Amino acid sequence: MPEDERTPTPDVNALVDGLRATVEQRRRDGRYPPGLEEDLDAHFHRIVTHRVVPDLSALEAAVSRLESLPGVSVGRIPAESTLPGGAALHRAMSRALGRQLQGVLEQVEEVSSALKTVVTELASALRLPNTHFHPDLVGQVDALQERMAALERGPLDSPAALADLGRRVEALEAAEAARRFRPWFSNDAFESQFRGSADDLKSRYADLAARFDGCSPVLDVGCGRGEFMELLAERGLEVRGVELDRALVEAAVARGLAVSHGDGLEALGEAADGSLGGIALIQVAEHLSQQQLVNLVLLAFDKLRPGGRIVLETVNPQSLYVFARAFYLDPTHDRPVHPAYLTFLFRQAGFAGVEIDWRSPPPGEEILQLTGEARHDANVERLNRLLFAPQDYALIATR
């Protein structure tokens, strides 16, 4: 190549001087964050020092001893014997089996040599770990070390951390809002259509209200329009209610009932221990999650005074008729609660008396009719117990 076409050799000193000038100018312009040099020094220090070199003196001594051992040979096999004529017998056998013995010894020597090589390489790798690490693995470890160091350096209440936390909270709130049921129809219209009028409900629940006699004050959790509260008030009991639906709260307050808007379980948790004589939950349990239900049972035990009573009415999953009619009619139902499981919960929580009141039998015209033939009627009765058991049950537990 002609001399004038060769690439000129760069002036390294000039390049370094230019780089230093650029760095200095950017430092004056404020383009480097404070403490950058200290952070870089700390980063490189961690890269160099975070790998611990083990003490390999014992391993190196063992490797030296392995390398000093003599090789395998026929001559090192002893022929001496304490038996008369034993040495001659050994020599005769060695001559007879010489070829086979030599082959075996060669294989042993081959394995021994390979083993020495492996052990030596292993000792070398442990002695110089930085030269035997895979570059990708080293890079990942260094990146992880740097991220951990950044977390240690950066305060948890920094603007960036708080902004990231805020974005995550907003995303969670948006996801929860998207799955929340917000119907455009009113709950009052729904209850009037499918549960009946206020007079119908008061007639249906008069017997349950009587179970609270002598159990004042009563907290009605999920009181709805307040019909059950009116029954309790008519019996001279002090009662207050908690309801999530604002429209139902406003309607109940307009009728003179002490109803507040909020979560019933939270309101129960805020009551003083032993301050309640009764707790009512009418058609509420099927709206609760499994954890909310077990929390409710313990809360009820804590908040009721000795002799206090809880009445909990819910749908009966032992009646298949329920699943064809009432349960899936309400889109806010979560899951039915088996009466045996609910009884177990209250007994485990420590309630002294627990009983079940079966309620709301299906209409008579829906039930299979008997014919008078014994065998046929026996099967019909079995089907009726399975298909047309009572639609609801009330659990009554005494503290």
Foldseek 3Di string as FASTA:
>chain_A
DDPVPDDDDDDVVVVVVVVVVVVVVCVVVVVDDPPPVVLVVVLVVCLVPVDDQDDCPVLVVVLVVLVPDDAFDPVVDDQDDPDVCSSVVSVVVCVVCVVVVVVVSVVVRVVSVVVSVVSVVVSVCSRPVVVPDDVVVSVVVSVVVSVVVVVVPDDCPDPVNVVVVVVVVVVVVVVVVVPDDDDPDDPVVVCCVPVHDLVVVLVQCLVVLVVLVVQPDEEEEQCFLPSSVVSVVVVVHHYEYEHQGPVSQVNNVVVVGRYDYDHRLVVLQPAQFQQGQEYEAEANPQLDDPVSLLSVLLSVNRRHHAFGKYKHKHWAPQAQQLVVPPQVVDVSGHHGDHPVVSQVSNVVSPFDDKDKAFDAWDDPVVQDDDDPDVVVVVVSVVVCSRHTGGGMMMMMTGD
